N, C-alpha and C. Protein backbone atom coordinates (compact mmCIF):
# COMPACT_ATOMS: atom_id res chain seq x y z
N UNK A 1 1.11 -1.20 -0.08
CA UNK A 1 -0.07 -0.39 -0.17
C UNK A 1 0.33 1.67 0.12
N UNK A 2 0.95 2.34 -1.06
CA UNK A 2 1.71 3.38 -1.44
C UNK A 2 1.25 4.62 -0.45
N UNK A 3 2.02 5.44 0.33
CA UNK A 3 1.71 6.13 1.01
C UNK A 3 1.21 7.57 0.31
N UNK A 4 0.07 7.95 0.12
CA UNK A 4 -0.18 8.96 -0.82
C UNK A 4 0.38 10.62 0.25
N UNK A 5 1.15 11.16 0.35
CA UNK A 5 1.33 12.78 0.63
C UNK A 5 0.48 13.84 0.15
N UNK A 6 -0.26 13.41 -0.92
CA UNK A 6 -0.39 14.73 -1.30
C UNK A 6 -1.93 14.59 -0.82
N UNK A 7 -2.38 13.97 -0.02
CA UNK A 7 -3.89 14.38 0.88
C UNK A 7 -3.47 14.51 1.98
N UNK A 8 -2.67 15.04 2.34
CA UNK A 8 -2.23 15.48 3.63
C UNK A 8 -1.75 16.47 4.01
N UNK A 9 -3.05 16.86 4.54
CA UNK A 9 -3.57 18.98 4.34
C UNK A 9 -2.42 19.53 5.22
N UNK A 10 -2.06 20.62 5.38
CA UNK A 10 -1.01 21.80 5.62
C UNK A 10 -1.20 22.13 7.42
N UNK A 11 -0.39 21.29 8.25
CA UNK A 11 -0.67 21.85 9.41
C UNK A 11 -1.05 23.54 10.07
N UNK A 12 -2.13 23.37 10.54
CA UNK A 12 -2.27 25.01 11.28
C UNK A 12 -2.11 24.56 12.09
N UNK A 13 -1.44 26.18 12.37
CA UNK A 13 -0.43 27.14 13.60
C UNK A 13 -1.70 27.83 14.46
N UNK A 14 -1.61 27.75 15.62
CA UNK A 14 -2.52 27.67 16.14
C UNK A 14 -2.21 28.10 17.88
N UNK A 15 -1.90 29.21 18.69
CA UNK A 15 -1.79 29.16 19.65
C UNK A 15 -2.58 29.90 21.27
N UNK A 16 -2.74 29.00 21.82
CA UNK A 16 -3.51 29.51 23.17
C UNK A 16 -3.00 29.31 24.23
N UNK A 17 -3.53 30.52 25.06
CA UNK A 17 -2.51 31.21 26.14
C UNK A 17 -3.94 31.55 27.19
N UNK A 18 -3.73 30.39 28.35
CA UNK A 18 -5.38 30.55 28.86
C UNK A 18 -4.51 30.80 30.79
N UNK A 19 -4.79 32.40 31.04
CA UNK A 19 -4.24 32.96 32.45
C UNK A 19 -2.93 33.13 32.39
N UNK A 20 -1.90 32.51 31.43
CA UNK A 20 -0.40 32.45 31.88
C UNK A 20 0.02 31.15 32.25
N UNK A 21 -0.45 30.38 32.55
CA UNK A 21 -0.81 29.11 33.06
C UNK A 21 -1.13 28.02 32.19
N UNK A 22 -1.52 27.59 31.17
CA UNK A 22 -1.31 27.14 30.65
C UNK A 22 -1.06 27.32 28.99
N UNK A 23 -0.27 26.25 28.49
CA UNK A 23 -0.31 27.38 26.87
C UNK A 23 -0.56 26.17 25.94
N UNK A 24 -1.45 25.96 24.96
CA UNK A 24 -1.49 24.91 23.65
C UNK A 24 -0.93 25.70 22.31
N UNK A 25 0.06 24.83 21.96
CA UNK A 25 0.15 25.49 20.88
C UNK A 25 0.26 23.89 19.61
N UNK A 26 -0.06 24.23 18.48
CA UNK A 26 -0.93 23.25 17.54
C UNK A 26 0.36 23.91 16.61
N UNK A 27 0.73 23.17 15.44
CA UNK A 27 1.78 22.92 14.05
C UNK A 27 3.02 22.75 14.47
N UNK A 28 3.04 22.03 16.07
CA UNK A 28 4.15 21.80 16.49
C UNK A 28 4.89 20.35 15.30
N UNK A 29 5.78 21.28 15.11
CA UNK A 29 6.80 19.63 14.04
C UNK A 29 7.87 19.02 14.38
N UNK A 30 8.56 19.90 15.93
CA UNK A 30 9.48 19.06 16.82
C UNK A 30 10.00 20.24 18.25
N UNK A 31 10.23 19.18 18.88
CA UNK A 31 11.22 20.24 20.07
C UNK A 31 12.43 20.29 20.17
N UNK A 32 13.27 20.90 20.13
CA UNK A 32 14.34 21.32 20.15
C UNK A 32 14.95 21.29 21.58
N UNK A 33 14.91 21.99 22.13
CA UNK A 33 15.11 21.64 23.09
C UNK A 33 14.24 22.49 24.51
N UNK A 34 14.26 21.82 25.48
CA UNK A 34 13.48 22.42 26.70
C UNK A 34 14.10 22.62 27.99
N UNK A 35 13.72 23.32 29.35
CA UNK A 35 13.94 22.62 30.82
C UNK A 35 13.01 23.53 31.55
N UNK A 36 13.14 24.08 32.34
CA UNK A 36 12.24 24.44 33.34
C UNK A 36 12.07 25.67 32.89
N UNK A 37 12.84 26.75 32.56
CA UNK A 37 12.48 28.37 32.17
C UNK A 37 12.54 28.44 30.45
N UNK A 38 13.15 27.42 29.76
CA UNK A 38 12.69 27.11 28.55
C UNK A 38 12.14 26.30 27.31
N UNK A 39 11.04 26.88 26.72
CA UNK A 39 11.25 25.66 25.55
C UNK A 39 10.78 26.34 23.86
N UNK A 40 11.68 25.56 22.86
CA UNK A 40 12.29 25.81 21.77
C UNK A 40 11.59 25.10 20.94
N UNK A 41 10.67 24.81 20.27
CA UNK A 41 9.90 24.27 18.76
C UNK A 41 10.28 24.87 17.92
N UNK A 42 10.36 23.52 16.67
CA UNK A 42 10.16 24.12 15.40
C UNK A 42 8.91 23.84 15.29
N UNK A 43 8.06 25.00 14.78
CA UNK A 43 6.68 25.26 13.91
C UNK A 43 6.34 25.04 12.12
N UNK A 44 5.47 25.14 11.63
CA UNK A 44 5.11 25.36 10.64
C UNK A 44 4.77 26.38 10.06
N UNK A 45 5.56 27.39 10.91
CA UNK A 45 5.57 28.86 10.47
C UNK A 45 6.77 29.09 10.97
N UNK A 46 8.05 28.33 11.58
CA UNK A 46 9.04 28.85 12.06
C UNK A 46 9.35 28.39 13.93
N UNK A 47 10.60 29.01 14.16
CA UNK A 47 10.47 28.28 15.33
C UNK A 47 10.12 29.61 16.32
N UNK A 48 9.61 28.80 17.44
CA UNK A 48 8.97 29.36 18.75
C UNK A 48 10.13 29.12 19.80
N UNK A 49 9.62 29.80 20.36
CA UNK A 49 10.17 29.63 22.18
C UNK A 49 9.31 30.50 23.68
N UNK A 50 9.19 29.63 24.08
CA UNK A 50 8.21 29.97 25.12
C UNK A 50 9.41 30.35 26.72
N UNK A 51 9.19 31.36 26.82
CA UNK A 51 9.97 31.39 28.18
C UNK A 51 9.50 32.13 29.11
N UNK A 52 9.90 31.13 30.60
CA UNK A 52 8.91 31.52 31.79
C UNK A 52 10.01 30.35 32.89
N UNK A 53 8.44 30.46 34.16
CA UNK A 53 8.45 29.90 34.93
C UNK A 53 8.55 27.97 35.44
N UNK A 54 8.91 26.96 36.06
CA UNK A 54 8.44 25.92 36.21
C UNK A 54 7.33 25.48 34.63
N UNK A 55 8.09 25.46 33.55
CA UNK A 55 7.51 24.88 32.50
C UNK A 55 7.54 23.80 32.49
N UNK A 56 6.64 23.38 32.39
CA UNK A 56 6.67 21.57 31.99
C UNK A 56 5.82 21.36 30.92
N UNK A 57 6.25 20.04 30.11
CA UNK A 57 5.07 19.87 28.87
C UNK A 57 4.62 18.38 29.29
N UNK A 58 3.60 18.53 29.59
CA UNK A 58 2.11 17.69 29.66
C UNK A 58 1.80 16.83 28.47
N UNK A 59 2.01 17.60 26.68
CA UNK A 59 1.59 16.24 26.17
C UNK A 59 2.05 16.93 25.26
N UNK A 60 2.67 16.19 24.20
CA UNK A 60 2.98 16.53 23.00
C UNK A 60 2.59 15.56 22.16
N UNK A 61 2.01 15.64 21.12
CA UNK A 61 2.63 14.66 20.23
C UNK A 61 2.42 15.31 18.43
N UNK A 62 3.89 14.88 18.35
CA UNK A 62 4.13 15.21 17.10
C UNK A 62 3.01 14.39 15.79
N UNK A 63 2.40 13.80 15.71
CA UNK A 63 1.37 13.28 15.11
C UNK A 63 1.08 14.09 14.82
N UNK A 64 0.37 14.39 15.55
CA UNK A 64 -0.88 15.94 15.89
C UNK A 64 -0.50 17.32 15.29
N UNK A 65 0.77 17.14 15.91
CA UNK A 65 1.40 18.55 16.35
C UNK A 65 1.18 19.76 16.78
N UNK A 66 0.33 18.86 18.28
CA UNK A 66 -0.37 19.58 19.65
C UNK A 66 0.94 19.25 20.84
N UNK A 67 0.50 20.82 21.00
CA UNK A 67 1.80 20.78 22.50
C UNK A 67 1.23 21.17 23.42
N UNK A 68 1.14 20.57 24.59
CA UNK A 68 0.11 21.66 26.15
C UNK A 68 1.80 21.95 26.83
N UNK A 69 1.78 23.17 27.30
CA UNK A 69 2.59 23.36 28.09
C UNK A 69 2.23 23.54 29.63
N UNK A 70 2.38 23.27 30.78
CA UNK A 70 1.58 24.16 32.05
C UNK A 70 3.13 24.61 32.77
N UNK A 71 2.94 25.82 33.48
CA UNK A 71 3.81 26.82 34.24
C UNK A 71 3.19 28.27 34.29
N UNK A 72 4.21 28.88 34.42
CA UNK A 72 3.96 30.39 34.59
C UNK A 72 4.99 30.97 32.89
N UNK A 73 4.02 31.61 32.32
CA UNK A 73 4.38 31.79 30.65
C UNK A 73 4.57 33.06 30.76
N UNK A 74 6.29 33.96 30.78
CA UNK A 74 6.39 34.99 30.71
C UNK A 74 6.35 35.37 29.07
N UNK A 75 7.16 34.91 27.89
CA UNK A 75 7.24 35.55 26.90
C UNK A 75 6.58 34.01 25.95
N UNK A 76 5.96 34.25 25.04
CA UNK A 76 6.26 33.50 23.62
C UNK A 76 6.37 34.22 22.54
N UNK A 77 7.49 34.38 21.93
CA UNK A 77 8.21 34.97 21.04
C UNK A 77 9.07 33.91 19.62
N UNK A 78 8.88 35.07 18.04
CA UNK A 78 9.00 33.36 17.47
C UNK A 78 10.85 33.80 16.70
N UNK A 79 11.21 33.56 16.55
CA UNK A 79 12.37 33.81 15.83
C UNK A 79 12.09 33.33 14.28
N UNK A 80 12.96 34.97 14.00
CA UNK A 80 13.03 35.12 12.10
C UNK A 80 14.37 34.56 11.46
N UNK A 81 14.04 33.41 11.22
CA UNK A 81 15.15 32.72 10.93
C UNK A 81 16.50 33.69 9.37
N UNK A 82 15.33 34.02 8.42
CA UNK A 82 15.80 35.01 7.94
C UNK A 82 16.98 35.34 7.98
N UNK A 83 18.35 35.55 7.27
CA UNK A 83 19.64 36.43 7.09
C UNK A 83 19.21 37.94 6.79
N UNK A 84 20.10 38.63 7.62
CA UNK A 84 20.39 39.85 8.11
C UNK A 84 20.34 40.58 6.29
N UNK A 85 19.47 41.00 5.92
CA UNK A 85 20.67 41.65 3.93
C UNK A 85 21.09 42.98 4.43
N UNK A 86 21.53 43.15 5.33
CA UNK A 86 22.60 44.82 4.87
C UNK A 86 22.10 45.65 3.96
N UNK A 87 23.02 46.54 3.88
CA UNK A 87 22.16 47.96 3.02
C UNK A 87 23.13 47.17 1.63
N UNK A 88 22.44 48.31 0.36
CA UNK A 88 23.11 48.14 -0.45
C UNK A 88 24.35 47.85 -1.11
N UNK A 89 25.24 48.15 -0.17
CA UNK A 89 26.74 48.51 -0.18
C UNK A 89 27.61 47.00 0.31
N UNK A 90 26.69 46.66 0.61
CA UNK A 90 27.13 45.52 2.21
C UNK A 90 26.61 44.67 1.14
N UNK A 91 25.32 44.24 0.43
CA UNK A 91 25.36 43.70 -0.13
C UNK A 91 26.33 43.12 -1.69
N UNK A 92 26.35 44.15 -2.38
CA UNK A 92 27.20 44.35 -3.69
C UNK A 92 28.73 44.51 -3.44
N UNK A 93 29.01 45.05 -2.63
CA UNK A 93 30.47 44.62 -1.77
C UNK A 93 30.96 43.51 -1.17
N UNK A 94 30.33 42.78 -0.32
CA UNK A 94 30.37 41.98 0.78
C UNK A 94 31.45 42.17 1.90
């Protein structure tokens, strides 16, 4: 039986934060690293960083692309993976 890649729907990215204590993220492709103060994950829209205190991954389903985090969430940020372009002269003369 062949695996049909074309019928796979693209992941949807969604972030839901409940009172800074519970975070649900969909569209998660991988968890790069984590500890009680920081969780770095790859999502379908880029790298996402969650910082806070006493962070715990309650549930991780990579097949469904869903992650549940409990703890004190201080910030949710996205890292821009695109390199800086610099000025026109820097790009021309490298």
